[in-house]
Amino acid sequence: MTSLAPPTATRAEGTPGGSIESLVAAKAGRTLAVCIPARNEAATIGPIVTAITDWLVPAGLVDVVVVVDDGSTDATGGRAAAAGAHVVRRATAPGKGDALRCAISGTPADVLVFLDADVTNFSPWFVVALAAPLLGDPHTMLVKAAYDRPLHGRPGEGGRVTELVARPLLARFFPDLAEITQPLAGEFAIRREALADISLADGYAIDIALLIDVYERFGRQAITEVDLGERSHRNRPLHELRPHSRAVLDAVLTRARSAETHPYARGLEPTRQLHNEVEGQSR
């Protein structure tokens, strides 16, 4: 029997049993796909896919790995295919929202586990931990990854957009979501049925927009987190974070604006001008 918990991370709450075999049994005929949007990630995509196809696919937990090659100019697509992934290549302008939509349309799976392609310390346990709450609790719709993010080797200093933009905005307009540790995490799992009435946002807004949309559709109790320990990936320079920050700001304010009757959408008048300014700068 294979334990679900690695030595460096806590076991996911809601895990049905304590082994891969018990999780496979909990699928109960449902299918599970791992979806990885990737653009110019040739250095990391191969080992990530291999870790899944060598262990979780033969074990019966994962049915397919879908990699969306989002306009890569390197060997991302070829290395993903060589590792056993089903590769969908996008030739249009790259964008995370479009890549996720492409991944969803590329598989009919009932449970979708999304991963980032630039993680350097990936473990297949990430997939196990993210999938377990969905397989064990029919009321859970969305599972977000929680983790520590170092910045240039300094523990807890990563996630600048998360700490300076996303979490303060959630605390102000959607306080039920304020304690979500990583609202912008690209590692998450979701039931296909949860996406039926949700339109996925474009670009960098996709992660926080989906979090809010699932919350408004199903309630806070339908969202849970799992601790993946420490996540190491490529840290981007500050100037590259500006578009990400703007997209997050726009997504939250748009949803707060559209929910003006919501008890948490307080004092929106001062934010309307800011929202309009953001929209103008984005054009």
C-alpha atoms as a PDB file:
ATOM      1  CA  MET A   1       0.000   0.000   0.000  1.00  0.00           C
ATOM      2  CA  THR A   2       1.393   3.398  -0.990  1.00  0.00           C
ATOM      3  CA  SER A   3       0.993   6.189   1.550  1.00  0.00           C
ATOM      4  CA  LEU A   4      -0.485   9.423   0.230  1.00  0.00           C
ATOM      5  CA  ALA A   5       1.602  11.706   2.395  1.00  0.00           C
ATOM      6  CA  PRO A   6       5.231  12.475   1.503  1.00  0.00           C
ATOM      7  CA  PRO A   7       7.586  13.238   4.364  1.00  0.00           C
ATOM      8  CA  THR A   8       7.654  16.987   3.564  1.00  0.00           C
ATOM      9  CA  ALA A   9       3.926  17.723   3.366  1.00  0.00           C
ATOM     10  CA  THR A  10       0.768  17.005   5.249  1.00  0.00           C
ATOM     11  CA  ARG A  11      -1.796  14.572   3.989  1.00  0.00           C
ATOM     12  CA  ALA A  12      -4.801  16.054   2.192  1.00  0.00           C
ATOM     13  CA  GLU A  13      -7.937  16.335   4.266  1.00  0.00           C
ATOM     14  CA  GLY A  14     -10.827  14.322   2.950  1.00  0.00           C
ATOM     15  CA  THR A  15      -8.612  11.575   1.539  1.00  0.00           C
ATOM     16  CA  PRO A  16     -10.696   8.408   1.200  1.00  0.00           C
ATOM     17  CA  GLY A  17      -8.363   5.949   2.865  1.00  0.00           C
ATOM     18  CA  GLY A  18      -4.589   6.005   2.871  1.00  0.00           C
ATOM     19  CA  SER A  19      -3.427   4.541  -0.417  1.00  0.00           C
ATOM     20  CA  ILE A  20      -3.431   5.036  -4.166  1.00  0.00           C
ATOM     21  CA  GLU A  21      -5.565   1.921  -4.423  1.00  0.00           C
ATOM     22  CA  SER A  22      -8.280   3.461  -2.241  1.00  0.00           C
ATOM     23  CA  LEU A  23      -8.282   6.615  -4.358  1.00  0.00           C
ATOM     24  CA  VAL A  24      -8.596   4.584  -7.539  1.00  0.00           C
ATOM     25  CA  ALA A  25     -11.562   2.780  -6.006  1.00  0.00           C
ATOM     26  CA  ALA A  26     -13.093   6.131  -5.023  1.00  0.00           C
ATOM     27  CA  LYS A  27     -13.100   7.206  -8.668  1.00  0.00           C
ATOM     28  CA  ALA A  28     -16.108   4.878  -9.050  1.00  0.00           C
ATOM     29  CA  GLY A  29     -16.019   4.939 -12.822  1.00  0.00           C
ATOM     30  CA  ARG A  30     -15.148   8.612 -13.129  1.00  0.00           C
ATOM     31  CA  THR A  31     -12.228   9.724 -15.276  1.00  0.00           C
ATOM     32  CA  LEU A  32      -9.404  12.024 -14.189  1.00  0.00           C
ATOM     33  CA  ALA A  33      -7.187  14.153 -16.398  1.00  0.00           C
ATOM     34  CA  VAL A  34      -4.087  16.135 -15.515  1.00  0.00           C
ATOM     35  CA  CYS A  35      -3.957  19.331 -17.578  1.00  0.00           C
ATOM     36  CA  ILE A  36      -0.784  21.386 -17.969  1.00  0.00           C
ATOM     37  CA  PRO A  37      -0.707  24.645 -19.940  1.00  0.00           C
ATOM     38  CA  ALA A  38       2.876  25.315 -21.001  1.00  0.00           C
ATOM     39  CA  ARG A  39       4.767  27.886 -23.021  1.00  0.00           C
ATOM     40  CA  ASN A  40       8.517  27.530 -23.504  1.00  0.00           C
ATOM     41  CA  GLU A  41       8.919  25.139 -20.567  1.00  0.00           C
ATOM     42  CA  ALA A  42      11.106  22.526 -22.269  1.00  0.00           C
ATOM     43  CA  ALA A  43      13.423  22.379 -19.244  1.00  0.00           C
ATOM     44  CA  THR A  44      10.734  21.190 -16.835  1.00  0.00           C
ATOM     45  CA  ILE A  45       7.772  19.747 -18.748  1.00  0.00           C
ATOM     46  CA  GLY A  46       9.370  16.360 -19.486  1.00  0.00           C
ATOM     47  CA  PRO A  47      10.141  15.396 -15.884  1.00  0.00           C
ATOM     48  CA  ILE A  48       6.693  16.566 -14.710  1.00  0.00           C
ATOM     49  CA  VAL A  49       4.836  14.482 -17.293  1.00  0.00           C
ATOM     50  CA  THR A  50       7.130  11.484 -16.767  1.00  0.00           C
ATOM     51  CA  ALA A  51       6.514  11.514 -13.018  1.00  0.00           C
ATOM     52  CA  ILE A  52       2.785  11.186 -13.717  1.00  0.00           C
ATOM     53  CA  THR A  53       2.878   8.711 -16.592  1.00  0.00           C
ATOM     54  CA  ASP A  54       5.386   6.452 -14.836  1.00  0.00           C
ATOM     55  CA  TRP A  55       3.380   6.139 -11.629  1.00  0.00           C
ATOM     56  CA  LEU A  56      -0.145   7.539 -11.559  1.00  0.00           C
ATOM     57  CA  VAL A  57      -1.270   6.423 -15.007  1.00  0.00           C
ATOM     58  CA  PRO A  58      -0.246   2.762 -14.507  1.00  0.00           C
ATOM     59  CA  ALA A  59      -1.800   2.852 -11.037  1.00  0.00           C
ATOM     60  CA  GLY A  60      -5.133   3.818 -12.583  1.00  0.00           C
ATOM     61  CA  LEU A  61      -5.546   7.173 -10.837  1.00  0.00           C
ATOM     62  CA  VAL A  62      -4.830   9.360 -13.872  1.00  0.00           C
ATOM     63  CA  ASP A  63      -6.433   8.504 -17.205  1.00  0.00           C
ATOM     64  CA  VAL A  64      -4.681  11.064 -19.417  1.00  0.00           C
ATOM     65  CA  VAL A  65      -2.165  13.896 -19.230  1.00  0.00           C
ATOM     66  CA  VAL A  66      -3.056  16.824 -21.510  1.00  0.00           C
ATOM     67  CA  VAL A  67      -0.361  19.391 -22.227  1.00  0.00           C
ATOM     68  CA  VAL A  68      -1.413  22.551 -24.037  1.00  0.00           C
ATOM     69  CA  ASP A  69       1.613  23.856 -25.917  1.00  0.00           C
ATOM     70  CA  ASP A  70       0.693  27.521 -25.897  1.00  0.00           C
ATOM     71  CA  GLY A  71       2.741  28.808 -28.814  1.00  0.00           C
ATOM     72  CA  SER A  72       6.116  27.554 -27.585  1.00  0.00           C
ATOM     73  CA  THR A  73       9.199  28.288 -29.643  1.00  0.00           C
ATOM     74  CA  ASP A  74      11.270  25.617 -27.895  1.00  0.00           C
ATOM     75  CA  ALA A  75      10.885  21.838 -27.546  1.00  0.00           C
ATOM     76  CA  THR A  76       8.060  21.948 -24.965  1.00  0.00           C
ATOM     77  CA  GLY A  77       5.537  20.064 -27.090  1.00  0.00           C
ATOM     78  CA  GLY A  78       7.967  17.408 -28.282  1.00  0.00           C
ATOM     79  CA  ARG A  79       9.283  16.653 -24.818  1.00  0.00           C
ATOM     80  CA  ALA A  80       5.782  16.447 -23.372  1.00  0.00           C
ATOM     81  CA  ALA A  81       4.720  14.021 -26.103  1.00  0.00           C
ATOM     82  CA  ALA A  82       7.851  11.914 -25.622  1.00  0.00           C
ATOM     83  CA  ALA A  83       7.004  11.642 -21.924  1.00  0.00           C
ATOM     84  CA  GLY A  84       3.540  10.292 -22.704  1.00  0.00           C
ATOM     85  CA  ALA A  85       1.290  13.358 -22.761  1.00  0.00           C
ATOM     86  CA  HIS A  86      -1.469  14.102 -25.226  1.00  0.00           C
ATOM     87  CA  VAL A  87      -0.255  17.419 -26.645  1.00  0.00           C
ATOM     88  CA  VAL A  88      -2.607  20.086 -27.969  1.00  0.00           C
ATOM     89  CA  ARG A  89      -0.800  22.839 -29.844  1.00  0.00           C
ATOM     90  CA  ARG A  90      -2.190  26.354 -29.961  1.00  0.00           C
ATOM     91  CA  ALA A  91      -1.016  28.519 -32.841  1.00  0.00           C
ATOM     92  CA  THR A  92      -2.950  31.649 -31.878  1.00  0.00           C
ATOM     93  CA  ALA A  93      -1.794  34.352 -29.466  1.00  0.00           C
ATOM     94  CA  PRO A  94      -0.755  32.776 -26.158  1.00  0.00           C
ATOM     95  CA  GLY A  95      -2.839  33.332 -23.040  1.00  0.00           C
ATOM     96  CA  LYS A  96      -3.437  31.339 -19.881  1.00  0.00           C
ATOM     97  CA  GLY A  97      -7.221  31.576 -19.996  1.00  0.00           C
ATOM     98  CA  ASP A  98      -7.337  30.312 -23.584  1.00  0.00           C
ATOM     99  CA  ALA A  99      -4.867  27.554 -22.734  1.00  0.00           C
ATOM    100  CA  LEU A 100      -7.044  26.304 -19.877  1.00  0.00           C
ATOM    101  CA  ARG A 101     -10.134  26.359 -22.058  1.00  0.00           C
ATOM    102  CA  CYS A 102      -8.211  24.413 -24.674  1.00  0.00           C
ATOM    103  CA  ALA A 103      -7.184  21.812 -22.083  1.00  0.00           C
ATOM    104  CA  ILE A 104     -10.753  21.387 -20.855  1.00  0.00           C
ATOM    105  CA  SER A 105     -12.042  20.895 -24.382  1.00  0.00           C
ATOM    106  CA  GLY A 106      -9.207  18.445 -25.068  1.00  0.00           C
ATOM    107  CA  THR A 107     -10.517  15.822 -22.630  1.00  0.00           C
ATOM    108  CA  PRO A 108     -13.964  14.642 -21.481  1.00  0.00           C
ATOM    109  CA  ALA A 109     -12.645  13.756 -18.009  1.00  0.00           C
ATOM    110  CA  ASP A 110     -14.930  14.226 -15.000  1.00  0.00           C
ATOM    111  CA  VAL A 111     -12.178  15.470 -12.674  1.00  0.00           C
ATOM    112  CA  LEU A 112      -9.572  17.950 -13.914  1.00  0.00           C
ATOM    113  CA  VAL A 113      -6.282  18.544 -12.115  1.00  0.00           C
ATOM    114  CA  PHE A 114      -4.323  21.558 -13.347  1.00  0.00           C
ATOM    115  CA  LEU A 115      -0.590  21.979 -12.834  1.00  0.00           C
ATOM    116  CA  ASP A 116       1.962  24.666 -13.618  1.00  0.00           C
ATOM    117  CA  ALA A 117       4.677  23.651 -16.072  1.00  0.00           C
ATOM    118  CA  ASP A 118       7.610  25.543 -14.543  1.00  0.00           C
ATOM    119  CA  VAL A 119       7.844  23.766 -11.173  1.00  0.00           C
ATOM    120  CA  THR A 120      11.334  22.467 -10.475  1.00  0.00           C
ATOM    121  CA  ASN A 121      10.527  20.350  -7.417  1.00  0.00           C
ATOM    122  CA  PHE A 122       7.436  18.592  -8.765  1.00  0.00           C
ATOM    123  CA  SER A 123       6.187  15.406  -7.126  1.00  0.00           C
ATOM    124  CA  PRO A 124       3.355  13.188  -8.406  1.00  0.00           C
ATOM    125  CA  TRP A 125       1.975  13.504  -4.883  1.00  0.00           C
ATOM    126  CA  PHE A 126       0.801  16.993  -5.937  1.00  0.00           C
ATOM    127  CA  VAL A 127      -1.769  15.303  -8.187  1.00  0.00           C
ATOM    128  CA  VAL A 128      -2.793  12.823  -5.503  1.00  0.00           C
ATOM    129  CA  ALA A 129      -3.314  15.551  -2.899  1.00  0.00           C
ATOM    130  CA  LEU A 130      -5.308  17.804  -5.238  1.00  0.00           C
ATOM    131  CA  ALA A 131      -7.562  15.010  -6.491  1.00  0.00           C
ATOM    132  CA  ALA A 132      -8.268  13.349  -3.145  1.00  0.00           C
ATOM    133  CA  PRO A 133     -10.846  15.834  -1.745  1.00  0.00           C
ATOM    134  CA  LEU A 134     -12.880  15.715  -4.960  1.00  0.00           C
ATOM    135  CA  LEU A 135     -12.917  11.925  -4.927  1.00  0.00           C
ATOM    136  CA  GLY A 136     -13.756  11.763  -1.240  1.00  0.00           C
ATOM    137  CA  ASP A 137     -16.379  14.492  -0.801  1.00  0.00           C
ATOM    138  CA  PRO A 138     -19.189  15.012  -3.338  1.00  0.00           C
ATOM    139  CA  HIS A 139     -19.786  18.550  -2.040  1.00  0.00           C
ATOM    140  CA  THR A 140     -16.264  19.760  -2.833  1.00  0.00           C
ATOM    141  CA  MET A 141     -16.067  21.500  -6.203  1.00  0.00           C
ATOM    142  CA  LEU A 142     -12.677  23.229  -6.199  1.00  0.00           C
ATOM    143  CA  VAL A 143      -9.382  22.315  -4.530  1.00  0.00           C
ATOM    144  CA  LYS A 144      -6.645  24.946  -4.407  1.00  0.00           C
ATOM    145  CA  ALA A 145      -3.009  24.226  -3.672  1.00  0.00           C
ATOM    146  CA  ALA A 146      -1.406  25.874  -0.666  1.00  0.00           C
ATOM    147  CA  TYR A 147       2.368  26.041  -0.350  1.00  0.00           C
ATOM    148  CA  ASP A 148       5.360  28.075   0.704  1.00  0.00           C
ATOM    149  CA  ARG A 149       7.097  30.022  -2.070  1.00  0.00           C
ATOM    150  CA  PRO A 150      10.710  31.090  -1.625  1.00  0.00           C
ATOM    151  CA  LEU A 151      12.122  34.074  -3.528  1.00  0.00           C
ATOM    152  CA  HIS A 152      15.759  33.679  -4.562  1.00  0.00           C
ATOM    153  CA  GLY A 153      16.217  31.219  -1.709  1.00  0.00           C
ATOM    154  CA  ARG A 154      14.473  33.340   0.930  1.00  0.00           C
ATOM    155  CA  PRO A 155      11.598  31.371   2.505  1.00  0.00           C
ATOM    156  CA  GLY A 156       8.165  32.958   2.429  1.00  0.00           C
ATOM    157  CA  GLU A 157       9.173  35.884   0.202  1.00  0.00           C
ATOM    158  CA  GLY A 158       7.586  34.606  -3.024  1.00  0.00           C
ATOM    159  CA  GLY A 159       4.073  35.281  -4.264  1.00  0.00           C
ATOM    160  CA  ARG A 160       4.398  39.065  -4.553  1.00  0.00           C
ATOM    161  CA  VAL A 161       1.220  39.575  -6.590  1.00  0.00           C
ATOM    162  CA  THR A 162      -0.630  37.255  -4.213  1.00  0.00           C
ATOM    163  CA  GLU A 163       0.373  39.081  -1.036  1.00  0.00           C
ATOM    164  CA  LEU A 164       0.330  42.662  -2.329  1.00  0.00           C
ATOM    165  CA  VAL A 165      -2.683  42.550  -4.657  1.00  0.00           C
ATOM    166  CA  ALA A 166      -4.839  39.413  -4.597  1.00  0.00           C
ATOM    167  CA  ARG A 167      -5.271  38.724  -0.892  1.00  0.00           C
ATOM    168  CA  PRO A 168      -5.901  42.366   0.135  1.00  0.00           C
ATOM    169  CA  LEU A 169      -8.543  42.648  -2.595  1.00  0.00           C
ATOM    170  CA  LEU A 170     -10.253  39.447  -1.486  1.00  0.00           C
ATOM    171  CA  ALA A 171     -10.198  40.610   2.129  1.00  0.00           C
ATOM    172  CA  ARG A 172     -11.919  43.840   1.084  1.00  0.00           C
ATOM    173  CA  PHE A 173     -14.553  42.538  -1.331  1.00  0.00           C
ATOM    174  CA  PHE A 174     -14.860  38.778  -0.721  1.00  0.00           C
ATOM    175  CA  PRO A 175     -13.789  38.266   2.908  1.00  0.00           C
ATOM    176  CA  ASP A 176     -14.943  34.650   2.975  1.00  0.00           C
ATOM    177  CA  LEU A 177     -12.028  33.986   0.609  1.00  0.00           C
ATOM    178  CA  ALA A 178      -9.474  36.088   2.483  1.00  0.00           C
ATOM    179  CA  GLU A 179      -7.867  33.092   4.171  1.00  0.00           C
ATOM    180  CA  ILE A 180      -7.210  31.209   0.937  1.00  0.00           C
ATOM    181  CA  THR A 181      -3.432  30.916   1.071  1.00  0.00           C
ATOM    182  CA  GLN A 182      -2.678  30.910  -2.648  1.00  0.00           C
ATOM    183  CA  PRO A 183      -5.652  32.363  -4.555  1.00  0.00           C
ATOM    184  CA  LEU A 184      -3.519  32.656  -7.705  1.00  0.00           C
ATOM    185  CA  ALA A 185      -2.186  29.096  -7.567  1.00  0.00           C
ATOM    186  CA  GLY A 186      -2.060  27.438 -10.976  1.00  0.00           C
ATOM    187  CA  GLU A 187      -2.255  24.067  -9.237  1.00  0.00           C
ATOM    188  CA  PHE A 188      -5.889  23.245  -8.570  1.00  0.00           C
ATOM    189  CA  ALA A 189      -8.480  20.547  -9.172  1.00  0.00           C
ATOM    190  CA  ILE A 190     -12.099  21.003 -10.187  1.00  0.00           C
ATOM    191  CA  ARG A 191     -15.125  18.939 -11.116  1.00  0.00           C
ATOM    192  CA  ARG A 192     -16.226  19.338 -14.727  1.00  0.00           C
ATOM    193  CA  GLU A 193     -19.792  19.885 -13.545  1.00  0.00           C
ATOM    194  CA  ALA A 194     -18.641  22.964 -11.627  1.00  0.00           C
ATOM    195  CA  LEU A 195     -17.636  24.587 -14.913  1.00  0.00           C
ATOM    196  CA  ALA A 196     -21.037  24.152 -16.550  1.00  0.00           C
ATOM    197  CA  ASP A 197     -22.294  27.669 -15.723  1.00  0.00           C
ATOM    198  CA  ILE A 198     -18.936  29.431 -15.438  1.00  0.00           C
ATOM    199  CA  SER A 199     -17.204  31.330 -18.234  1.00  0.00           C
ATOM    200  CA  LEU A 200     -13.456  31.126 -17.781  1.00  0.00           C
ATOM    201  CA  ALA A 201     -11.691  34.474 -17.713  1.00  0.00           C
ATOM    202  CA  ASP A 202      -8.915  35.442 -20.093  1.00  0.00           C
ATOM    203  CA  GLY A 203      -5.223  35.721 -19.399  1.00  0.00           C
ATOM    204  CA  TYR A 204      -3.777  36.023 -15.912  1.00  0.00           C
ATOM    205  CA  ALA A 205      -7.219  36.707 -14.417  1.00  0.00           C
ATOM    206  CA  ILE A 206      -8.214  33.058 -14.803  1.00  0.00           C
ATOM    207  CA  ASP A 207      -7.155  31.742 -11.380  1.00  0.00           C
ATOM    208  CA  ILE A 208      -8.673  34.360  -9.097  1.00  0.00           C
ATOM    209  CA  ALA A 209     -11.745  34.751 -11.317  1.00  0.00           C
ATOM    210  CA  LEU A 210     -12.453  31.021 -11.141  1.00  0.00           C
ATOM    211  CA  LEU A 211     -12.049  31.056  -7.358  1.00  0.00           C
ATOM    212  CA  ILE A 212     -14.603  33.846  -6.981  1.00  0.00           C
ATOM    213  CA  ASP A 213     -16.990  32.362  -9.541  1.00  0.00           C
ATOM    214  CA  VAL A 214     -17.025  28.953  -7.837  1.00  0.00           C
ATOM    215  CA  TYR A 215     -17.550  30.668  -4.481  1.00  0.00           C
ATOM    216  CA  GLU A 216     -20.511  32.661  -5.766  1.00  0.00           C
ATOM    217  CA  ARG A 217     -22.010  29.645  -7.502  1.00  0.00           C
ATOM    218  CA  PHE A 218     -21.495  26.970  -4.816  1.00  0.00           C
ATOM    219  CA  GLY A 219     -20.479  28.753  -1.600  1.00  0.00           C
ATOM    220  CA  ARG A 220     -17.331  28.768   0.506  1.00  0.00           C
ATOM    221  CA  GLN A 221     -17.912  25.221   1.757  1.00  0.00           C
ATOM    222  CA  ALA A 222     -17.366  23.894  -1.781  1.00  0.00           C
ATOM    223  CA  ILE A 223     -13.747  25.123  -1.815  1.00  0.00           C
ATOM    224  CA  THR A 224     -10.869  23.540   0.079  1.00  0.00           C
ATOM    225  CA  GLU A 225      -7.074  23.704   0.139  1.00  0.00           C
ATOM    226  CA  VAL A 226      -4.315  21.114   0.375  1.00  0.00           C
ATOM    227  CA  ASP A 227      -0.796  21.742   1.599  1.00  0.00           C
ATOM    228  CA  LEU A 228       1.838  20.856  -1.002  1.00  0.00           C
ATOM    229  CA  GLY A 229       4.779  21.917   1.133  1.00  0.00           C
ATOM    230  CA  GLU A 230       7.273  24.135  -0.703  1.00  0.00           C
ATOM    231  CA  ARG A 231       6.891  25.011  -4.376  1.00  0.00           C
ATOM    232  CA  SER A 232       9.944  26.078  -6.345  1.00  0.00           C
ATOM    233  CA  HIS A 233       9.641  27.663  -9.757  1.00  0.00           C
ATOM    234  CA  ARG A 234      11.053  30.427 -11.898  1.00  0.00           C
ATOM    235  CA  ASN A 235      10.712  33.818 -10.197  1.00  0.00           C
ATOM    236  CA  ARG A 236       9.850  36.586 -12.605  1.00  0.00           C
ATOM    237  CA  PRO A 237      11.370  40.104 -12.528  1.00  0.00           C
ATOM    238  CA  LEU A 238       9.180  42.809 -11.060  1.00  0.00           C
ATOM    239  CA  HIS A 239       8.280  44.483 -14.371  1.00  0.00           C
ATOM    240  CA  GLU A 240       6.768  41.224 -15.635  1.00  0.00           C
ATOM    241  CA  LEU A 241       4.384  41.161 -12.675  1.00  0.00           C
ATOM    242  CA  ARG A 242       2.648  44.405 -13.647  1.00  0.00           C
ATOM    243  CA  PRO A 243       0.291  42.837 -16.246  1.00  0.00           C
ATOM    244  CA  HIS A 244      -0.499  40.022 -13.820  1.00  0.00           C
ATOM    245  CA  SER A 245      -1.342  42.504 -11.058  1.00  0.00           C
ATOM    246  CA  ARG A 246      -3.527  44.552 -13.379  1.00  0.00           C
ATOM    247  CA  ALA A 247      -5.447  41.461 -14.512  1.00  0.00           C
ATOM    248  CA  VAL A 248      -6.039  40.356 -10.914  1.00  0.00           C
ATOM    249  CA  LEU A 249      -7.238  43.830  -9.935  1.00  0.00           C
ATOM    250  CA  ASP A 250      -9.585  43.975 -12.905  1.00  0.00           C
ATOM    251  CA  ALA A 251     -11.030  40.494 -12.247  1.00  0.00           C
ATOM    252  CA  VAL A 252     -11.819  41.166  -8.586  1.00  0.00           C
ATOM    253  CA  LEU A 253     -13.274  44.631  -9.141  1.00  0.00           C
ATOM    254  CA  THR A 254     -15.386  43.406 -12.058  1.00  0.00           C
ATOM    255  CA  ARG A 255     -16.906  40.677  -9.904  1.00  0.00           C
ATOM    256  CA  ALA A 256     -17.398  42.963  -6.937  1.00  0.00           C
ATOM    257  CA  ARG A 257     -19.080  45.456  -9.223  1.00  0.00           C
ATOM    258  CA  SER A 258     -21.426  42.862 -10.676  1.00  0.00           C
ATOM    259  CA  ALA A 259     -22.439  41.802  -7.147  1.00  0.00           C
ATOM    260  CA  GLU A 260     -23.347  45.210  -5.749  1.00  0.00           C
ATOM    261  CA  THR A 261     -26.264  43.695  -3.843  1.00  0.00           C
ATOM    262  CA  HIS A 262     -23.865  41.237  -2.221  1.00  0.00           C
ATOM    263  CA  PRO A 263     -23.331  42.125   1.471  1.00  0.00           C
ATOM    264  CA  TYR A 264     -19.572  42.015   0.970  1.00  0.00           C
ATOM    265  CA  ALA A 265     -19.466  44.496  -1.917  1.00  0.00           C
ATOM    266  CA  ARG A 266     -19.232  47.594   0.269  1.00  0.00           C
ATOM    267  CA  GLY A 267     -18.133  51.040  -0.748  1.00  0.00           C
ATOM    268  CA  LEU A 268     -17.825  50.317  -4.443  1.00  0.00           C
ATOM    269  CA  GLU A 269     -18.322  53.907  -5.576  1.00  0.00           C
ATOM    270  CA  PRO A 270     -14.672  54.833  -4.882  1.00  0.00           C
ATOM    271  CA  THR A 271     -13.495  51.804  -6.838  1.00  0.00           C
ATOM    272  CA  ARG A 272     -15.498  52.411 -10.011  1.00  0.00           C
ATOM    273  CA  GLN A 273     -13.157  55.143 -11.215  1.00  0.00           C
ATOM    274  CA  LEU A 274     -10.137  52.936 -10.443  1.00  0.00           C
ATOM    275  CA  HIS A 275     -11.736  50.019 -12.310  1.00  0.00           C
ATOM    276  CA  ASN A 276     -12.417  52.227 -15.352  1.00  0.00           C
ATOM    277  CA  GLU A 277      -8.835  53.486 -15.276  1.00  0.00           C
ATOM    278  CA  VAL A 278      -7.519  49.914 -15.189  1.00  0.00           C
ATOM    279  CA  GLU A 279      -9.724  48.988 -18.145  1.00  0.00           C
ATOM    280  CA  GLY A 280      -8.465  52.007 -20.068  1.00  0.00           C
ATOM    281  CA  GLN A 281      -4.820  51.149 -19.405  1.00  0.00           C
ATOM    282  CA  SER A 282      -5.375  47.552 -20.482  1.00  0.00           C
ATOM    283  CA  ARG A 283      -6.517  48.540 -23.963  1.00  0.00           C
END
